[in-house]
Amino acid sequence: MNKTLSLLTICRKAGKLEMGMDPVKDACNSFKAKCVLVTTDISPKSLKEIKYVCHDRNIPIYQLDVNTEETWSALGRKCVVLAVCDKGFEKKLSQMLEPVEINK
C-alpha cells in the first residue's frame, strides 16, 4: 500500500473522510471539506461536476495516484471522489499530491 492510501486509511478511521459523489458534494456545500481527491479513472463528466462544486467554494482538488480498484482494496469502498474534512490531513496530502486545475 502506498503512503497516500495509508494516510487515507487513517483519515477514514478518524472519521474525517467522505467517499462518493453525493457525500463529497454535501461536505463541500457545508464547508466541512478541506480538499477533494479524485482517482485516476474518474470520468470527465464527474470531474467537471466536482470542479464546479469546488470552484464555487474555493476547495482545492488533488489527483490521487491510484484508481478505483486500489481505493476499494484500501478503504473498502469503490469511489472516484473523496473529501478530506480535516486541515491536518489536507496539509499533508497537499504536499504529497499534484493539484488539479479548476478553471471554469
N, C-alpha and C. Protein backbone atom coordinates (compact mmCIF):
# COMPACT_ATOMS: atom_id res chain seq x y z
N MET A 1 0.85 -1.18 0.00
CA MET A 1 0.00 0.00 0.00
C MET A 1 0.90 1.24 0.00
N ASN A 2 0.56 2.23 -0.83
CA ASN A 2 1.39 3.42 -0.89
C ASN A 2 1.07 4.39 0.26
N LYS A 3 1.90 5.41 0.41
CA LYS A 3 1.76 6.35 1.54
C LYS A 3 0.43 7.09 1.52
N THR A 4 -0.02 7.45 0.32
CA THR A 4 -1.29 8.18 0.20
C THR A 4 -2.45 7.36 0.73
N LEU A 5 -2.52 6.09 0.30
CA LEU A 5 -3.61 5.23 0.76
C LEU A 5 -3.50 4.94 2.25
N SER A 6 -2.30 4.84 2.76
CA SER A 6 -2.13 4.64 4.21
C SER A 6 -2.68 5.83 4.98
N LEU A 7 -2.37 7.03 4.49
CA LEU A 7 -2.87 8.25 5.14
C LEU A 7 -4.40 8.33 5.04
N LEU A 8 -4.94 7.96 3.89
CA LEU A 8 -6.40 7.98 3.72
C LEU A 8 -7.08 6.95 4.62
N THR A 9 -6.44 5.82 4.85
CA THR A 9 -6.98 4.81 5.75
C THR A 9 -7.06 5.37 7.17
N ILE A 10 -6.02 6.07 7.61
CA ILE A 10 -6.02 6.70 8.93
C ILE A 10 -7.09 7.78 9.01
N CYS A 11 -7.21 8.55 7.93
CA CYS A 11 -8.21 9.61 7.85
C CYS A 11 -9.62 9.03 7.97
N ARG A 12 -9.85 7.91 7.31
CA ARG A 12 -11.17 7.27 7.37
C ARG A 12 -11.46 6.76 8.78
N LYS A 13 -10.47 6.14 9.40
CA LYS A 13 -10.66 5.63 10.77
C LYS A 13 -10.92 6.76 11.76
N ALA A 14 -10.38 7.95 11.45
CA ALA A 14 -10.61 9.12 12.31
C ALA A 14 -11.97 9.77 12.04
N GLY A 15 -12.68 9.28 11.02
CA GLY A 15 -14.00 9.83 10.70
C GLY A 15 -13.93 11.14 9.93
N LYS A 16 -12.82 11.40 9.26
CA LYS A 16 -12.62 12.66 8.55
C LYS A 16 -12.58 12.49 7.04
N LEU A 17 -13.17 11.41 6.51
CA LEU A 17 -13.15 11.14 5.09
C LEU A 17 -14.55 10.85 4.58
N GLU A 18 -14.97 11.59 3.56
CA GLU A 18 -16.25 11.33 2.89
C GLU A 18 -15.95 10.68 1.55
N MET A 19 -16.72 9.67 1.18
CA MET A 19 -16.47 8.94 -0.06
C MET A 19 -17.73 8.87 -0.91
N GLY A 20 -17.57 9.11 -2.21
CA GLY A 20 -18.69 9.09 -3.13
C GLY A 20 -19.13 10.49 -3.50
N MET A 21 -19.75 10.62 -4.66
CA MET A 21 -20.10 11.95 -5.19
C MET A 21 -21.05 12.72 -4.28
N ASP A 22 -22.15 12.12 -3.88
CA ASP A 22 -23.14 12.85 -3.07
C ASP A 22 -22.60 13.25 -1.69
N PRO A 23 -21.96 12.34 -0.93
CA PRO A 23 -21.39 12.77 0.36
C PRO A 23 -20.31 13.84 0.21
N VAL A 24 -19.52 13.76 -0.86
CA VAL A 24 -18.47 14.76 -1.08
C VAL A 24 -19.10 16.11 -1.40
N LYS A 25 -20.12 16.13 -2.26
CA LYS A 25 -20.80 17.39 -2.57
C LYS A 25 -21.45 17.98 -1.33
N ASP A 26 -22.04 17.14 -0.48
CA ASP A 26 -22.64 17.63 0.76
C ASP A 26 -21.58 18.23 1.68
N ALA A 27 -20.41 17.57 1.77
CA ALA A 27 -19.33 18.09 2.61
C ALA A 27 -18.81 19.42 2.06
N CYS A 28 -18.75 19.54 0.75
CA CYS A 28 -18.32 20.81 0.14
C CYS A 28 -19.35 21.91 0.38
N ASN A 29 -20.62 21.59 0.19
CA ASN A 29 -21.67 22.58 0.37
C ASN A 29 -21.79 23.06 1.82
N SER A 30 -21.44 22.20 2.77
CA SER A 30 -21.50 22.60 4.17
C SER A 30 -20.15 23.13 4.67
N PHE A 31 -19.19 23.26 3.75
CA PHE A 31 -17.85 23.78 4.04
C PHE A 31 -17.07 22.92 5.04
N LYS A 32 -17.44 21.64 5.18
CA LYS A 32 -16.68 20.71 6.01
C LYS A 32 -15.44 20.22 5.27
N ALA A 33 -15.53 20.08 3.95
CA ALA A 33 -14.42 19.54 3.16
C ALA A 33 -13.28 20.54 3.09
N LYS A 34 -12.08 20.07 3.39
CA LYS A 34 -10.87 20.92 3.29
C LYS A 34 -10.19 20.72 1.94
N CYS A 35 -10.36 19.53 1.34
CA CYS A 35 -9.88 19.28 -0.01
C CYS A 35 -10.64 18.09 -0.58
N VAL A 36 -10.60 17.97 -1.89
CA VAL A 36 -11.25 16.86 -2.59
C VAL A 36 -10.17 16.11 -3.35
N LEU A 37 -10.29 14.79 -3.36
CA LEU A 37 -9.34 13.92 -4.05
C LEU A 37 -10.08 13.15 -5.13
N VAL A 38 -9.45 13.01 -6.30
CA VAL A 38 -10.05 12.25 -7.39
C VAL A 38 -9.08 11.16 -7.83
N THR A 39 -9.63 10.01 -8.23
CA THR A 39 -8.80 8.91 -8.69
C THR A 39 -8.42 9.10 -10.16
N THR A 40 -7.53 8.26 -10.62
CA THR A 40 -7.04 8.39 -12.00
C THR A 40 -8.10 8.01 -13.03
N ASP A 41 -9.09 7.22 -12.64
CA ASP A 41 -10.09 6.76 -13.60
C ASP A 41 -11.45 7.47 -13.45
N ILE A 42 -11.44 8.70 -12.97
CA ILE A 42 -12.67 9.48 -12.86
C ILE A 42 -13.13 9.87 -14.28
N SER A 43 -14.43 9.86 -14.49
CA SER A 43 -14.95 10.22 -15.81
C SER A 43 -14.90 11.74 -15.99
N PRO A 44 -14.78 12.20 -17.23
CA PRO A 44 -14.75 13.65 -17.48
C PRO A 44 -15.99 14.36 -16.94
N LYS A 45 -17.16 13.72 -17.02
CA LYS A 45 -18.40 14.33 -16.53
C LYS A 45 -18.36 14.50 -15.01
N SER A 46 -17.90 13.48 -14.31
CA SER A 46 -17.80 13.56 -12.85
C SER A 46 -16.76 14.59 -12.42
N LEU A 47 -15.65 14.65 -13.15
CA LEU A 47 -14.62 15.63 -12.83
C LEU A 47 -15.14 17.04 -13.04
N LYS A 48 -15.88 17.26 -14.11
CA LYS A 48 -16.45 18.58 -14.38
C LYS A 48 -17.42 18.98 -13.26
N GLU A 49 -18.24 18.02 -12.82
CA GLU A 49 -19.22 18.28 -11.77
C GLU A 49 -18.54 18.65 -10.45
N ILE A 50 -17.50 17.91 -10.08
CA ILE A 50 -16.84 18.19 -8.80
C ILE A 50 -16.01 19.47 -8.89
N LYS A 51 -15.46 19.76 -10.06
CA LYS A 51 -14.73 21.03 -10.24
C LYS A 51 -15.67 22.22 -10.04
N TYR A 52 -16.89 22.10 -10.55
CA TYR A 52 -17.88 23.17 -10.40
C TYR A 52 -18.18 23.43 -8.93
N VAL A 53 -18.42 22.36 -8.18
CA VAL A 53 -18.74 22.50 -6.76
C VAL A 53 -17.56 23.09 -5.99
N CYS A 54 -16.36 22.60 -6.28
CA CYS A 54 -15.17 23.07 -5.56
C CYS A 54 -14.79 24.50 -5.92
N HIS A 55 -15.00 24.88 -7.17
CA HIS A 55 -14.67 26.24 -7.60
C HIS A 55 -15.52 27.26 -6.85
N ASP A 56 -16.81 26.98 -6.72
CA ASP A 56 -17.71 27.90 -6.03
C ASP A 56 -17.37 28.06 -4.55
N ARG A 57 -16.76 27.04 -3.95
CA ARG A 57 -16.47 27.08 -2.51
C ARG A 57 -14.97 27.22 -2.21
N ASN A 58 -14.17 27.38 -3.27
CA ASN A 58 -12.72 27.57 -3.13
C ASN A 58 -12.05 26.41 -2.38
N ILE A 59 -12.40 25.19 -2.78
CA ILE A 59 -11.85 23.97 -2.18
C ILE A 59 -10.87 23.36 -3.18
N PRO A 60 -9.62 23.08 -2.76
CA PRO A 60 -8.66 22.51 -3.70
C PRO A 60 -8.98 21.05 -4.05
N ILE A 61 -8.60 20.66 -5.26
CA ILE A 61 -8.76 19.28 -5.72
C ILE A 61 -7.37 18.73 -6.00
N TYR A 62 -7.12 17.50 -5.55
CA TYR A 62 -5.84 16.85 -5.79
C TYR A 62 -6.05 15.53 -6.53
N GLN A 63 -5.12 15.22 -7.41
CA GLN A 63 -5.16 13.99 -8.19
C GLN A 63 -4.46 12.87 -7.42
N LEU A 64 -5.20 11.83 -7.08
CA LEU A 64 -4.60 10.66 -6.44
C LEU A 64 -3.81 9.88 -7.49
N ASP A 65 -2.85 9.13 -7.06
CA ASP A 65 -2.06 8.31 -7.96
C ASP A 65 -2.54 6.86 -7.97
N VAL A 66 -3.82 6.67 -7.66
CA VAL A 66 -4.43 5.33 -7.62
C VAL A 66 -5.75 5.34 -8.38
N ASN A 67 -6.23 4.15 -8.71
CA ASN A 67 -7.53 4.04 -9.39
C ASN A 67 -8.59 3.53 -8.40
N THR A 68 -9.78 3.33 -8.91
CA THR A 68 -10.91 2.93 -8.08
C THR A 68 -10.69 1.58 -7.40
N GLU A 69 -10.10 0.64 -8.12
CA GLU A 69 -9.86 -0.69 -7.54
C GLU A 69 -8.92 -0.61 -6.34
N GLU A 70 -7.92 0.25 -6.43
CA GLU A 70 -6.96 0.39 -5.34
C GLU A 70 -7.59 1.07 -4.12
N THR A 71 -8.48 2.04 -4.37
CA THR A 71 -9.17 2.66 -3.23
C THR A 71 -10.12 1.66 -2.59
N TRP A 72 -10.73 0.81 -3.41
CA TRP A 72 -11.63 -0.22 -2.89
C TRP A 72 -10.86 -1.18 -2.00
N SER A 73 -9.70 -1.59 -2.44
CA SER A 73 -8.89 -2.52 -1.67
C SER A 73 -8.42 -1.90 -0.34
N ALA A 74 -8.07 -0.62 -0.35
CA ALA A 74 -7.55 0.03 0.85
C ALA A 74 -8.66 0.52 1.79
N LEU A 75 -9.73 1.07 1.20
CA LEU A 75 -10.76 1.72 2.02
C LEU A 75 -12.06 0.93 2.13
N GLY A 76 -12.18 -0.13 1.34
CA GLY A 76 -13.37 -0.96 1.43
C GLY A 76 -14.57 -0.43 0.68
N ARG A 77 -14.35 0.55 -0.19
CA ARG A 77 -15.47 1.11 -0.95
C ARG A 77 -14.96 1.64 -2.29
N LYS A 78 -15.70 1.34 -3.35
CA LYS A 78 -15.34 1.87 -4.66
C LYS A 78 -15.85 3.30 -4.77
N CYS A 79 -14.94 4.21 -5.05
CA CYS A 79 -15.33 5.60 -5.23
C CYS A 79 -14.25 6.31 -6.04
N VAL A 80 -14.67 7.30 -6.81
CA VAL A 80 -13.73 8.07 -7.62
C VAL A 80 -13.48 9.45 -7.02
N VAL A 81 -14.29 9.84 -6.04
CA VAL A 81 -14.18 11.15 -5.40
C VAL A 81 -14.20 10.98 -3.89
N LEU A 82 -13.26 11.65 -3.23
CA LEU A 82 -13.18 11.61 -1.77
C LEU A 82 -12.98 13.02 -1.24
N ALA A 83 -13.50 13.29 -0.06
CA ALA A 83 -13.31 14.60 0.56
C ALA A 83 -12.66 14.41 1.92
N VAL A 84 -11.60 15.17 2.16
CA VAL A 84 -10.91 15.16 3.44
C VAL A 84 -11.46 16.32 4.27
N CYS A 85 -11.94 16.02 5.47
CA CYS A 85 -12.60 17.03 6.31
C CYS A 85 -11.75 17.40 7.53
N ASP A 86 -10.45 17.44 7.36
CA ASP A 86 -9.54 17.79 8.44
C ASP A 86 -8.37 18.57 7.86
N LYS A 87 -8.03 19.70 8.46
CA LYS A 87 -6.98 20.57 7.94
C LYS A 87 -5.60 19.91 8.00
N GLY A 88 -5.32 19.13 9.02
CA GLY A 88 -4.03 18.45 9.15
C GLY A 88 -3.81 17.43 8.04
N PHE A 89 -4.82 16.61 7.79
CA PHE A 89 -4.72 15.63 6.71
C PHE A 89 -4.60 16.34 5.36
N GLU A 90 -5.34 17.43 5.20
CA GLU A 90 -5.29 18.18 3.93
C GLU A 90 -3.89 18.74 3.70
N LYS A 91 -3.27 19.25 4.74
CA LYS A 91 -1.93 19.83 4.61
C LYS A 91 -0.93 18.77 4.17
N LYS A 92 -0.98 17.60 4.77
CA LYS A 92 -0.05 16.52 4.42
C LYS A 92 -0.30 16.03 3.00
N LEU A 93 -1.56 15.86 2.63
CA LEU A 93 -1.89 15.40 1.27
C LEU A 93 -1.48 16.42 0.22
N SER A 94 -1.60 17.70 0.53
CA SER A 94 -1.23 18.74 -0.43
C SER A 94 0.26 18.70 -0.73
N GLN A 95 1.06 18.23 0.21
CA GLN A 95 2.49 18.08 -0.01
C GLN A 95 2.82 16.85 -0.84
N MET A 96 1.93 15.84 -0.81
CA MET A 96 2.19 14.58 -1.48
C MET A 96 1.61 14.49 -2.89
N LEU A 97 0.56 15.26 -3.18
CA LEU A 97 -0.20 15.10 -4.41
C LEU A 97 -0.15 16.33 -5.30
N GLU A 98 -0.43 16.11 -6.57
CA GLU A 98 -0.49 17.19 -7.54
C GLU A 98 -1.90 17.81 -7.55
N PRO A 99 -2.00 19.15 -7.55
CA PRO A 99 -3.32 19.78 -7.62
C PRO A 99 -3.93 19.65 -9.02
N VAL A 100 -5.25 19.63 -9.05
CA VAL A 100 -5.99 19.63 -10.31
C VAL A 100 -6.42 21.07 -10.56
N GLU A 101 -6.18 21.54 -11.75
CA GLU A 101 -6.55 22.93 -12.08
C GLU A 101 -8.06 23.04 -12.18
N ILE A 102 -8.60 24.09 -11.54
CA ILE A 102 -10.05 24.30 -11.53
C ILE A 102 -10.36 25.56 -12.31
N ASN A 103 -10.42 25.46 -13.61
CA ASN A 103 -10.83 26.58 -14.44
C ASN A 103 -12.29 26.41 -14.79
N LYS A 104 -13.02 27.50 -14.74
CA LYS A 104 -14.44 27.43 -15.10
C LYS A 104 -14.64 27.63 -16.56
